[in-house]
N, C-alpha and C. Protein backbone atom coordinates (compact mmCIF):
# COMPACT_ATOMS: atom_id res chain seq x y z
N ILE A 1 94.81 66.20 93.76
CA ILE A 1 95.62 65.65 94.84
C ILE A 1 97.10 65.92 94.58
N SER A 2 97.56 65.68 93.36
CA SER A 2 98.99 65.87 93.10
C SER A 2 99.39 67.33 93.19
N GLN A 3 98.52 68.24 92.79
CA GLN A 3 98.86 69.66 92.87
C GLN A 3 98.98 70.10 94.32
N ARG A 4 98.12 69.62 95.15
CA ARG A 4 98.11 70.05 96.56
C ARG A 4 99.18 69.32 97.38
N ILE A 5 99.24 68.01 97.28
CA ILE A 5 100.12 67.22 98.14
C ILE A 5 101.55 67.16 97.59
N VAL A 6 101.70 66.75 96.35
CA VAL A 6 103.04 66.57 95.79
C VAL A 6 103.73 67.90 95.51
N GLU A 7 103.00 68.83 94.88
CA GLU A 7 103.60 70.12 94.52
C GLU A 7 103.48 71.15 95.63
N GLY A 8 102.65 70.90 96.62
CA GLY A 8 102.50 71.82 97.74
C GLY A 8 101.80 73.12 97.42
N ARG A 9 100.94 73.12 96.40
CA ARG A 9 100.20 74.33 96.04
C ARG A 9 99.06 74.56 97.02
N SER A 10 98.73 75.81 97.22
CA SER A 10 97.64 76.11 98.14
C SER A 10 96.28 76.07 97.42
N GLU A 11 96.27 76.27 96.10
CA GLU A 11 95.04 76.23 95.34
C GLU A 11 95.18 75.33 94.12
N THR A 12 94.07 74.77 93.69
CA THR A 12 94.06 73.89 92.53
C THR A 12 94.01 74.72 91.24
N ASP A 13 94.83 74.34 90.27
CA ASP A 13 94.82 74.96 88.95
C ASP A 13 93.76 74.22 88.12
N TRP A 14 92.57 74.80 88.02
CA TRP A 14 91.45 74.13 87.37
C TRP A 14 91.62 74.03 85.86
N LYS A 15 92.35 74.95 85.25
CA LYS A 15 92.62 74.84 83.81
C LYS A 15 93.49 73.62 83.53
N ARG A 16 94.49 73.44 84.37
CA ARG A 16 95.38 72.29 84.22
C ARG A 16 94.60 71.00 84.44
N THR A 17 93.74 71.00 85.42
CA THR A 17 92.91 69.83 85.69
C THR A 17 92.00 69.54 84.50
N ALA A 18 91.46 70.59 83.87
CA ALA A 18 90.59 70.41 82.71
C ALA A 18 91.36 69.81 81.53
N VAL A 19 92.60 70.25 81.33
CA VAL A 19 93.42 69.71 80.24
C VAL A 19 93.60 68.21 80.44
N PHE A 20 94.01 67.80 81.63
CA PHE A 20 94.23 66.39 81.89
C PHE A 20 92.93 65.59 81.83
N ALA A 21 91.84 66.14 82.31
CA ALA A 21 90.56 65.43 82.30
C ALA A 21 90.06 65.22 80.87
N PHE A 22 90.12 66.28 80.06
CA PHE A 22 89.66 66.17 78.68
C PHE A 22 90.56 65.24 77.89
N TYR A 23 91.85 65.40 78.02
CA TYR A 23 92.82 64.55 77.32
C TYR A 23 92.64 63.10 77.76
N GLY A 24 92.54 62.89 79.05
CA GLY A 24 92.39 61.53 79.56
C GLY A 24 91.09 60.88 79.13
N GLY A 25 90.01 61.64 79.12
CA GLY A 25 88.73 61.08 78.75
C GLY A 25 88.56 60.86 77.27
N TRP A 26 88.97 61.85 76.48
CA TRP A 26 88.76 61.74 75.04
C TRP A 26 89.87 60.94 74.37
N TYR A 27 91.09 61.40 74.53
CA TYR A 27 92.19 60.77 73.80
C TYR A 27 92.57 59.42 74.38
N CYS A 28 92.87 59.39 75.67
CA CYS A 28 93.28 58.13 76.28
C CYS A 28 92.10 57.18 76.44
N GLY A 29 90.90 57.72 76.45
CA GLY A 29 89.71 56.89 76.58
C GLY A 29 89.37 56.20 75.28
N TRP A 30 88.55 56.85 74.46
CA TRP A 30 88.05 56.15 73.28
C TRP A 30 89.07 56.03 72.16
N PHE A 31 89.92 57.06 71.94
CA PHE A 31 90.85 56.99 70.81
C PHE A 31 91.88 55.88 70.98
N GLN A 32 92.54 55.83 72.14
CA GLN A 32 93.56 54.79 72.32
C GLN A 32 92.93 53.40 72.41
N HIS A 33 91.72 53.32 72.91
CA HIS A 33 91.04 52.02 72.88
C HIS A 33 90.89 51.56 71.43
N ALA A 34 90.40 52.45 70.58
CA ALA A 34 90.23 52.11 69.17
C ALA A 34 91.57 51.81 68.50
N LEU A 35 92.58 52.60 68.81
CA LEU A 35 93.90 52.40 68.21
C LEU A 35 94.49 51.06 68.60
N TYR A 36 94.59 50.79 69.90
CA TYR A 36 95.26 49.58 70.37
C TYR A 36 94.44 48.31 70.16
N ASN A 37 93.14 48.38 70.31
CA ASN A 37 92.33 47.17 70.23
C ASN A 37 91.75 46.89 68.85
N VAL A 38 91.63 47.91 68.02
CA VAL A 38 91.09 47.70 66.68
C VAL A 38 92.18 47.96 65.63
N GLY A 39 92.78 49.13 65.69
CA GLY A 39 93.78 49.50 64.69
C GLY A 39 95.01 48.59 64.68
N TYR A 40 95.57 48.35 65.84
CA TYR A 40 96.77 47.49 65.89
C TYR A 40 96.43 46.06 65.52
N ALA A 41 95.23 45.61 65.86
CA ALA A 41 94.82 44.25 65.46
C ALA A 41 94.75 44.15 63.94
N ARG A 42 94.30 45.20 63.29
CA ARG A 42 94.24 45.20 61.82
C ARG A 42 95.63 45.32 61.19
N LEU A 43 96.47 46.16 61.79
CA LEU A 43 97.82 46.36 61.24
C LEU A 43 98.75 45.17 61.48
N PHE A 44 98.71 44.63 62.70
CA PHE A 44 99.68 43.62 63.11
C PHE A 44 99.09 42.24 63.35
N GLY A 45 97.79 42.12 63.28
CA GLY A 45 97.16 40.83 63.55
C GLY A 45 97.01 40.59 65.05
N LEU A 46 96.50 39.44 65.39
CA LEU A 46 96.23 39.10 66.79
C LEU A 46 97.30 38.20 67.39
N ASP A 47 98.39 38.00 66.69
CA ASP A 47 99.49 37.17 67.18
C ASP A 47 100.07 37.77 68.46
N THR A 48 100.30 36.93 69.46
CA THR A 48 100.83 37.40 70.75
C THR A 48 102.30 37.04 70.96
N SER A 49 103.01 36.78 69.89
CA SER A 49 104.43 36.44 70.01
C SER A 49 105.25 37.66 70.42
N ILE A 50 106.44 37.40 70.91
CA ILE A 50 107.36 38.48 71.29
C ILE A 50 107.71 39.34 70.08
N LYS A 51 107.93 38.70 68.94
CA LYS A 51 108.28 39.44 67.73
C LYS A 51 107.17 40.44 67.36
N ASN A 52 105.93 40.02 67.41
CA ASN A 52 104.83 40.90 67.07
C ASN A 52 104.65 41.99 68.13
N ALA A 53 104.85 41.64 69.39
CA ALA A 53 104.76 42.64 70.46
C ALA A 53 105.83 43.72 70.26
N LEU A 54 107.03 43.33 69.88
CA LEU A 54 108.10 44.30 69.64
C LEU A 54 107.79 45.18 68.44
N ARG A 55 107.16 44.63 67.42
CA ARG A 55 106.75 45.44 66.27
C ARG A 55 105.73 46.50 66.70
N LYS A 56 104.78 46.11 67.54
CA LYS A 56 103.78 47.06 68.03
C LYS A 56 104.41 48.16 68.88
N VAL A 57 105.33 47.77 69.74
CA VAL A 57 106.01 48.75 70.60
C VAL A 57 106.84 49.70 69.75
N ALA A 58 107.56 49.17 68.78
CA ALA A 58 108.37 50.02 67.91
C ALA A 58 107.49 51.00 67.13
N PHE A 59 106.39 50.53 66.60
CA PHE A 59 105.47 51.41 65.87
C PHE A 59 104.93 52.50 66.80
N ASP A 60 104.59 52.11 68.01
CA ASP A 60 104.07 53.07 68.99
C ASP A 60 105.11 54.14 69.32
N CYS A 61 106.35 53.71 69.54
CA CYS A 61 107.41 54.65 69.92
C CYS A 61 107.84 55.57 68.77
N VAL A 62 107.82 55.06 67.56
CA VAL A 62 108.32 55.82 66.41
C VAL A 62 107.23 56.68 65.76
N PHE A 63 106.00 56.18 65.72
CA PHE A 63 104.95 56.90 65.00
C PHE A 63 103.86 57.47 65.92
N HIS A 64 103.22 56.62 66.68
CA HIS A 64 102.04 57.07 67.44
C HIS A 64 102.37 58.14 68.46
N VAL A 65 103.32 57.89 69.35
CA VAL A 65 103.58 58.84 70.44
C VAL A 65 104.13 60.18 69.92
N PRO A 66 105.20 60.19 69.12
CA PRO A 66 105.73 61.50 68.71
C PRO A 66 104.87 62.24 67.68
N LEU A 67 104.14 61.53 66.84
CA LEU A 67 103.40 62.19 65.77
C LEU A 67 101.92 62.42 66.07
N ILE A 68 101.37 61.70 67.04
CA ILE A 68 99.95 61.86 67.37
C ILE A 68 99.75 62.21 68.84
N CYS A 69 100.27 61.41 69.72
CA CYS A 69 100.02 61.56 71.16
C CYS A 69 100.47 62.92 71.69
N PHE A 70 101.72 63.26 71.53
CA PHE A 70 102.23 64.54 72.04
C PHE A 70 101.59 65.74 71.36
N PRO A 71 101.48 65.77 70.03
CA PRO A 71 100.82 66.93 69.41
C PRO A 71 99.38 67.13 69.87
N VAL A 72 98.65 66.04 70.05
CA VAL A 72 97.26 66.17 70.51
C VAL A 72 97.22 66.76 71.92
N TYR A 73 98.09 66.28 72.80
CA TYR A 73 98.11 66.81 74.16
C TYR A 73 98.44 68.30 74.17
N TYR A 74 99.47 68.69 73.44
CA TYR A 74 99.86 70.11 73.45
C TYR A 74 98.83 70.99 72.74
N ALA A 75 98.10 70.44 71.78
CA ALA A 75 97.00 71.21 71.17
C ALA A 75 95.89 71.43 72.18
N TYR A 76 95.56 70.42 72.98
CA TYR A 76 94.57 70.59 74.05
C TYR A 76 95.03 71.65 75.04
N LYS A 77 96.28 71.51 75.44
CA LYS A 77 96.83 72.44 76.42
C LYS A 77 96.78 73.87 75.89
N HIS A 78 97.17 74.06 74.64
CA HIS A 78 97.15 75.39 74.03
C HIS A 78 95.73 75.94 73.96
N THR A 79 94.78 75.09 73.63
CA THR A 79 93.38 75.51 73.51
C THR A 79 92.82 75.96 74.85
N VAL A 80 93.14 75.26 75.90
CA VAL A 80 92.61 75.59 77.22
C VAL A 80 93.32 76.79 77.83
N TYR A 81 94.63 76.88 77.71
CA TYR A 81 95.39 77.94 78.36
C TYR A 81 95.39 79.25 77.57
N ASP A 82 95.23 79.20 76.26
CA ASP A 82 95.29 80.42 75.45
C ASP A 82 93.94 80.85 74.94
């Protein structure tokens, strides 16, 4: 939908769709579920205070996203396109 309506393309880029589908299903699906619901509970505990929430957000911004999330996405993209 976004390729056709938002970008105005006449045809769908199926490789691009495959990258997002695989990344969304595998990485954002089971991996992030395990990370946020199991891993973070073990690392930071189950406390729901603002202080603990900020610790989780800081860890996510400094470690998870730049060192795991982005590299995994670009590795998927490289694998599908090359």
